[in-house]
Each structure stands twice: as structure tokens, then as C-alpha cells.
């Protein structure tokens, strides 16, 4: 069955999503999309990995956000999430200096933190 709600206007190449700003509901910039985690079987975006903080890439943290928590705002030209900088302090995170491996337990932790449906 064809999904008639998908139009060319709704589609975007993944490389154009990377670097897109992420804002909170108040319009404050929280970070930028650094990567997208896509389900291999369904082909759907499951997580956006947002980079936050640091300077010139040093000390930058990465926060996986369930894709379902992001809403695209054409006026801002970026994604909006119901989260503030304080909420990021306790959020699941990783940085480039550590060896990181995505596991089902980590995915469940991310989903639980954001009260998002789990894909695990």
C-alpha cells in the first residue's frame, strides 16, 4: 500500500539533515544533528545524534534523540525538541574520546529517558 502522505516536499537526503540545528521550544539552539541512526530493515530514521557543546569539535558531546521527539520547523530551518539545556545534563550521552558501541540496552535507556516508544 502506498503512503500518500509522503510528498517530495517531505523528503530530504540524510547528508542534508546532518548539520541541521536543533532548538528547544523557546527557540534556543541546543546543538546540531551530527548523524542519523536508521533501522536497516524498515529504512526509517529511529534516532538523530545531536552534537552539543565543545569548541571546534573538542569536548563535544553526542546526545541520541529518538526521531519521534523531533519536529521540523520551517520558520527556524531546524528541528525542535521539547527539551532544555538542563534536561540534556542527565540525558544519555557519549563523546568521541570514548570507545562507544550502540547496544539494545543503550537504545532502551535512550527511549526511556525521552519517554519514547522503544524499538528494542
N, C-alpha and C. Protein backbone atom coordinates (compact mmCIF):
# COMPACT_ATOMS: atom_id res chain seq x y z
N UNK A 1 0.84 -1.18 0.00
CA UNK A 1 0.00 0.00 0.00
C UNK A 1 0.89 1.24 0.00
N UNK A 2 0.55 2.21 -0.78
CA UNK A 2 1.32 3.44 -0.91
C UNK A 2 0.91 4.44 0.16
N UNK A 3 1.91 5.10 0.79
CA UNK A 3 1.64 6.12 1.79
C UNK A 3 1.51 7.46 1.05
N UNK A 4 0.28 7.92 0.87
CA UNK A 4 0.02 9.15 0.11
C UNK A 4 0.39 10.42 0.88
N UNK A 5 0.72 10.29 2.19
CA UNK A 5 1.09 11.47 2.96
C UNK A 5 2.54 11.88 2.70
N UNK A 6 3.33 11.00 2.07
CA UNK A 6 4.73 11.33 1.76
C UNK A 6 4.76 12.04 0.41
N UNK A 7 5.34 13.21 0.40
CA UNK A 7 5.46 14.00 -0.82
C UNK A 7 6.92 14.40 -1.00
N UNK A 8 7.31 14.83 -2.20
CA UNK A 8 8.69 15.29 -2.40
C UNK A 8 9.07 16.40 -1.42
N UNK A 9 8.10 17.20 -1.02
CA UNK A 9 8.37 18.29 -0.07
C UNK A 9 8.76 17.75 1.31
N UNK A 10 8.31 16.53 1.66
CA UNK A 10 8.60 15.93 2.96
C UNK A 10 9.94 15.21 2.98
N UNK A 11 10.52 14.93 1.83
CA UNK A 11 11.73 14.13 1.77
C UNK A 11 12.98 15.01 1.82
N UNK A 12 14.05 14.45 2.43
CA UNK A 12 15.33 15.15 2.49
C UNK A 12 16.44 14.11 2.51
N UNK A 13 17.52 14.38 1.85
CA UNK A 13 18.66 13.48 1.85
C UNK A 13 19.34 13.54 3.22
N UNK A 14 19.82 12.39 3.69
CA UNK A 14 20.44 12.30 5.01
C UNK A 14 21.61 13.27 5.16
N UNK A 15 22.40 13.44 4.09
CA UNK A 15 23.55 14.34 4.21
C UNK A 15 23.14 15.79 4.39
N UNK A 16 21.89 16.13 4.05
CA UNK A 16 21.40 17.49 4.27
C UNK A 16 20.85 17.66 5.68
N UNK A 17 20.47 16.55 6.33
CA UNK A 17 19.99 16.61 7.71
C UNK A 17 21.17 16.85 8.65
N UNK A 18 22.29 16.17 8.37
CA UNK A 18 23.48 16.38 9.20
C UNK A 18 23.88 17.85 9.14
N UNK A 19 24.08 18.43 10.32
CA UNK A 19 24.42 19.84 10.42
C UNK A 19 23.22 20.74 10.66
N UNK A 20 22.01 20.17 10.60
CA UNK A 20 20.80 20.96 10.85
C UNK A 20 20.71 21.29 12.33
N UNK A 21 20.36 22.52 12.65
CA UNK A 21 20.26 22.96 14.04
C UNK A 21 19.07 22.31 14.74
N UNK A 22 19.24 22.12 16.06
CA UNK A 22 18.18 21.60 16.92
C UNK A 22 17.91 22.66 17.98
N UNK A 23 16.63 23.02 18.14
CA UNK A 23 16.20 24.07 19.07
C UNK A 23 15.26 23.49 20.12
N UNK A 24 15.16 24.21 21.25
CA UNK A 24 14.13 23.84 22.21
C UNK A 24 12.87 24.64 21.88
N UNK A 25 11.81 24.43 22.66
CA UNK A 25 10.54 25.10 22.39
C UNK A 25 10.62 26.62 22.53
N UNK A 26 11.61 27.12 23.27
CA UNK A 26 11.79 28.56 23.44
C UNK A 26 12.60 29.18 22.31
N UNK A 27 13.09 28.36 21.39
CA UNK A 27 13.87 28.88 20.27
C UNK A 27 15.37 28.93 20.52
N UNK A 28 15.82 28.41 21.67
CA UNK A 28 17.26 28.38 21.97
C UNK A 28 17.90 27.21 21.22
N UNK A 29 19.04 27.47 20.60
CA UNK A 29 19.74 26.41 19.89
C UNK A 29 20.40 25.48 20.92
N UNK A 30 20.11 24.17 20.79
CA UNK A 30 20.69 23.17 21.69
C UNK A 30 21.92 22.51 21.07
N UNK A 31 21.95 22.36 19.76
CA UNK A 31 23.05 21.69 19.09
C UNK A 31 22.72 21.50 17.63
N UNK A 32 23.40 20.57 17.00
CA UNK A 32 23.15 20.26 15.59
C UNK A 32 23.09 18.75 15.40
N UNK A 33 22.39 18.33 14.37
CA UNK A 33 22.32 16.91 14.05
C UNK A 33 23.68 16.49 13.49
N UNK A 34 24.31 15.52 14.15
CA UNK A 34 25.61 15.03 13.71
C UNK A 34 25.48 13.75 12.89
N UNK A 35 24.40 13.00 13.15
CA UNK A 35 24.22 11.74 12.44
C UNK A 35 22.78 11.28 12.61
N UNK A 36 22.42 10.29 11.82
CA UNK A 36 21.08 9.71 11.89
C UNK A 36 21.26 8.20 12.01
N UNK A 37 20.51 7.59 12.91
CA UNK A 37 20.52 6.13 13.05
C UNK A 37 19.27 5.61 12.35
N UNK A 38 19.46 4.76 11.35
CA UNK A 38 18.37 4.26 10.53
C UNK A 38 18.21 2.75 10.74
N UNK A 39 16.96 2.32 10.92
CA UNK A 39 16.68 0.89 11.04
C UNK A 39 16.96 0.23 9.69
N UNK A 40 17.82 -0.78 9.68
CA UNK A 40 18.22 -1.45 8.44
C UNK A 40 17.05 -2.12 7.74
N UNK A 41 16.11 -2.65 8.52
CA UNK A 41 15.01 -3.41 7.93
C UNK A 41 13.91 -2.50 7.41
N UNK A 42 13.44 -1.56 8.24
CA UNK A 42 12.32 -0.70 7.82
C UNK A 42 12.78 0.48 6.99
N UNK A 43 14.04 0.89 7.16
CA UNK A 43 14.54 2.06 6.45
C UNK A 43 14.14 3.37 7.09
N UNK A 44 13.52 3.31 8.25
CA UNK A 44 13.06 4.53 8.93
C UNK A 44 14.13 5.07 9.87
N UNK A 45 14.18 6.40 9.98
CA UNK A 45 15.07 7.05 10.94
C UNK A 45 14.54 6.76 12.34
N UNK A 46 15.40 6.28 13.23
CA UNK A 46 15.00 5.95 14.59
C UNK A 46 15.57 6.96 15.58
N UNK A 47 16.82 7.37 15.37
CA UNK A 47 17.46 8.35 16.26
C UNK A 47 18.18 9.41 15.43
N UNK A 48 18.22 10.61 15.98
CA UNK A 48 19.11 11.66 15.49
C UNK A 48 20.17 11.81 16.57
N UNK A 49 21.43 11.82 16.19
CA UNK A 49 22.50 12.04 17.15
C UNK A 49 22.85 13.52 17.09
N UNK A 50 22.58 14.22 18.20
CA UNK A 50 22.82 15.66 18.25
C UNK A 50 24.16 15.94 18.92
N UNK A 51 24.97 16.79 18.30
CA UNK A 51 26.21 17.23 18.94
C UNK A 51 25.89 18.49 19.73
N UNK A 52 26.55 18.59 20.88
CA UNK A 52 26.25 19.66 21.82
C UNK A 52 27.52 20.07 22.54
N UNK A 53 27.74 21.37 22.65
CA UNK A 53 28.86 21.88 23.43
C UNK A 53 30.18 21.75 22.71
N UNK A 54 31.23 21.96 23.46
CA UNK A 54 32.57 21.87 22.91
C UNK A 54 32.94 23.10 22.11
N UNK A 55 34.17 23.11 21.65
CA UNK A 55 34.68 24.22 20.86
C UNK A 55 35.54 23.64 19.76
N UNK A 56 35.21 23.94 18.52
CA UNK A 56 35.93 23.42 17.35
C UNK A 56 36.01 21.90 17.39
N UNK A 57 34.93 21.28 17.86
CA UNK A 57 34.86 19.82 17.88
C UNK A 57 35.51 19.17 19.09
N UNK A 58 36.17 19.97 19.94
CA UNK A 58 36.83 19.42 21.13
C UNK A 58 35.88 19.53 22.31
N UNK A 59 35.71 18.44 23.03
CA UNK A 59 34.82 18.42 24.19
C UNK A 59 33.36 18.30 23.82
N UNK A 60 33.09 18.01 22.57
CA UNK A 60 31.72 17.88 22.10
C UNK A 60 31.09 16.60 22.64
N UNK A 61 29.85 16.69 23.05
CA UNK A 61 29.08 15.54 23.49
C UNK A 61 28.06 15.19 22.41
N UNK A 62 27.67 13.93 22.38
CA UNK A 62 26.67 13.47 21.43
C UNK A 62 25.48 12.92 22.20
N UNK A 63 24.31 13.43 21.88
CA UNK A 63 23.07 13.02 22.53
C UNK A 63 22.16 12.37 21.50
N UNK A 64 21.94 11.06 21.61
CA UNK A 64 20.96 10.45 20.71
C UNK A 64 19.55 10.86 21.14
N UNK A 65 18.78 11.33 20.19
CA UNK A 65 17.40 11.72 20.43
C UNK A 65 16.49 10.82 19.61
N UNK A 66 15.47 10.23 20.22
CA UNK A 66 14.52 9.47 19.41
C UNK A 66 13.95 10.37 18.32
N UNK A 67 13.96 9.87 17.10
CA UNK A 67 13.48 10.68 15.97
C UNK A 67 12.07 11.20 16.22
N UNK A 68 11.27 10.41 16.93
CA UNK A 68 9.88 10.80 17.20
C UNK A 68 9.77 12.04 18.08
N UNK A 69 10.86 12.43 18.76
CA UNK A 69 10.81 13.63 19.61
C UNK A 69 11.10 14.91 18.83
N UNK A 70 11.56 14.77 17.59
CA UNK A 70 11.92 15.93 16.78
C UNK A 70 10.79 16.33 15.84
N UNK A 71 10.56 17.61 15.75
CA UNK A 71 9.58 18.15 14.80
C UNK A 71 10.29 19.21 13.97
N UNK A 72 10.15 19.13 12.65
CA UNK A 72 10.82 20.11 11.80
C UNK A 72 10.02 21.41 11.78
N UNK A 73 10.70 22.53 11.99
CA UNK A 73 10.08 23.85 11.98
C UNK A 73 10.66 24.63 10.80
N UNK A 74 9.84 24.84 9.78
CA UNK A 74 10.30 25.54 8.58
C UNK A 74 10.74 26.96 8.87
N UNK A 75 10.07 27.64 9.81
CA UNK A 75 10.44 29.03 10.12
C UNK A 75 11.86 29.12 10.66
N UNK A 76 12.25 28.15 11.49
CA UNK A 76 13.59 28.17 12.07
C UNK A 76 14.60 27.45 11.19
N UNK A 77 14.11 26.66 10.25
CA UNK A 77 15.02 25.90 9.41
C UNK A 77 15.75 24.83 10.18
N UNK A 78 15.09 24.30 11.21
CA UNK A 78 15.72 23.27 12.04
C UNK A 78 14.68 22.45 12.77
N UNK A 79 15.18 21.53 13.58
CA UNK A 79 14.31 20.66 14.35
C UNK A 79 14.08 21.25 15.73
N UNK A 80 12.88 21.00 16.26
CA UNK A 80 12.51 21.47 17.59
C UNK A 80 12.22 20.24 18.45
N UNK A 81 12.72 20.28 19.68
CA UNK A 81 12.51 19.19 20.63
C UNK A 81 12.07 19.80 21.95
N UNK A 82 11.16 19.14 22.65
CA UNK A 82 10.67 19.61 23.95
C UNK A 82 11.69 19.25 25.03
N UNK A 83 12.79 19.99 25.05
CA UNK A 83 13.91 19.71 25.95
C UNK A 83 14.68 21.01 26.13
N UNK A 84 15.23 21.18 27.31
CA UNK A 84 16.07 22.36 27.51
C UNK A 84 17.49 21.91 27.85
N UNK A 85 18.40 22.88 27.97
CA UNK A 85 19.80 22.54 28.23
C UNK A 85 19.94 21.80 29.55
N UNK A 86 19.11 22.12 30.53
CA UNK A 86 19.14 21.43 31.82
C UNK A 86 18.78 19.96 31.64
N UNK A 87 17.78 19.69 30.79
CA UNK A 87 17.36 18.32 30.53
C UNK A 87 18.44 17.49 29.85
N UNK A 88 19.34 18.15 29.12
CA UNK A 88 20.43 17.45 28.46
C UNK A 88 21.48 16.95 29.45
N UNK A 89 21.56 17.59 30.63
CA UNK A 89 22.59 17.23 31.61
C UNK A 89 22.48 15.77 32.05
N UNK A 90 21.26 15.27 32.21
CA UNK A 90 21.09 13.89 32.66
C UNK A 90 20.79 12.92 31.54
N UNK A 91 20.79 13.40 30.31
CA UNK A 91 20.43 12.57 29.16
C UNK A 91 21.56 11.60 28.80
N UNK A 92 21.21 10.48 28.20
CA UNK A 92 22.25 9.57 27.69
C UNK A 92 23.15 10.32 26.71
N UNK A 93 24.44 10.11 26.83
CA UNK A 93 25.40 10.84 26.02
C UNK A 93 26.65 10.01 25.80
N UNK A 94 27.42 10.38 24.80
CA UNK A 94 28.74 9.80 24.59
C UNK A 94 29.59 10.85 23.91
N UNK A 95 30.91 10.69 23.99
CA UNK A 95 31.79 11.63 23.30
C UNK A 95 32.79 10.86 22.46
N UNK A 96 33.49 11.60 21.61
CA UNK A 96 34.41 10.98 20.66
C UNK A 96 35.63 10.36 21.32
N UNK A 97 35.93 10.76 22.56
CA UNK A 97 37.14 10.26 23.20
C UNK A 97 36.96 8.86 23.78
N UNK A 98 35.72 8.39 23.86
CA UNK A 98 35.49 7.05 24.41
C UNK A 98 35.14 6.07 23.30
N UNK A 99 35.45 4.82 23.55
CA UNK A 99 35.05 3.77 22.63
C UNK A 99 33.58 3.50 22.88
N UNK A 100 32.77 3.72 21.87
CA UNK A 100 31.33 3.61 22.05
C UNK A 100 30.76 2.55 21.13
N UNK A 101 29.88 1.74 21.68
CA UNK A 101 29.20 0.73 20.90
C UNK A 101 27.72 0.79 21.24
N UNK A 102 26.88 0.98 20.23
CA UNK A 102 25.44 1.05 20.45
C UNK A 102 24.94 -0.36 20.75
N UNK A 103 24.23 -0.52 21.87
CA UNK A 103 23.67 -1.82 22.24
C UNK A 103 22.16 -1.67 22.43
N UNK A 104 21.42 -2.78 22.41
CA UNK A 104 19.99 -2.69 22.69
C UNK A 104 19.70 -2.06 24.06
N UNK A 105 20.54 -2.36 25.07
CA UNK A 105 20.34 -1.76 26.39
C UNK A 105 20.49 -0.24 26.33
N UNK A 106 21.48 0.22 25.57
CA UNK A 106 21.66 1.67 25.44
C UNK A 106 20.46 2.29 24.73
N UNK A 107 19.96 1.64 23.67
CA UNK A 107 18.78 2.13 22.96
C UNK A 107 17.57 2.21 23.88
N UNK A 108 17.38 1.19 24.71
CA UNK A 108 16.26 1.22 25.66
C UNK A 108 16.43 2.36 26.66
N UNK A 109 17.66 2.61 27.09
CA UNK A 109 17.95 3.71 28.02
C UNK A 109 17.58 5.06 27.39
N UNK A 110 17.93 5.24 26.14
CA UNK A 110 17.61 6.49 25.43
C UNK A 110 16.09 6.64 25.31
N UNK A 111 15.42 5.58 24.87
CA UNK A 111 13.96 5.62 24.71
C UNK A 111 13.27 5.93 26.03
N UNK A 112 13.73 5.29 27.10
CA UNK A 112 13.12 5.50 28.42
C UNK A 112 13.32 6.94 28.89
N UNK A 113 14.53 7.48 28.71
CA UNK A 113 14.81 8.85 29.16
C UNK A 113 13.85 9.85 28.50
N UNK A 114 13.59 9.65 27.21
CA UNK A 114 12.74 10.58 26.48
C UNK A 114 11.28 10.14 26.41
N UNK A 115 10.97 9.06 27.14
CA UNK A 115 9.60 8.54 27.18
C UNK A 115 9.07 8.30 25.75
N UNK A 116 9.93 7.70 24.94
CA UNK A 116 9.62 7.41 23.55
C UNK A 116 9.34 5.91 23.39
N UNK A 117 8.56 5.54 22.41
CA UNK A 117 8.33 4.10 22.17
C UNK A 117 9.68 3.42 21.88
N UNK A 118 9.88 2.26 22.47
CA UNK A 118 11.14 1.54 22.28
C UNK A 118 11.10 0.72 21.00
N UNK A 119 12.21 0.70 20.33
CA UNK A 119 12.36 -0.11 19.12
C UNK A 119 13.14 -1.38 19.41
N UNK A 120 13.39 -1.63 20.69
CA UNK A 120 14.21 -2.77 21.09
C UNK A 120 13.32 -3.80 21.71
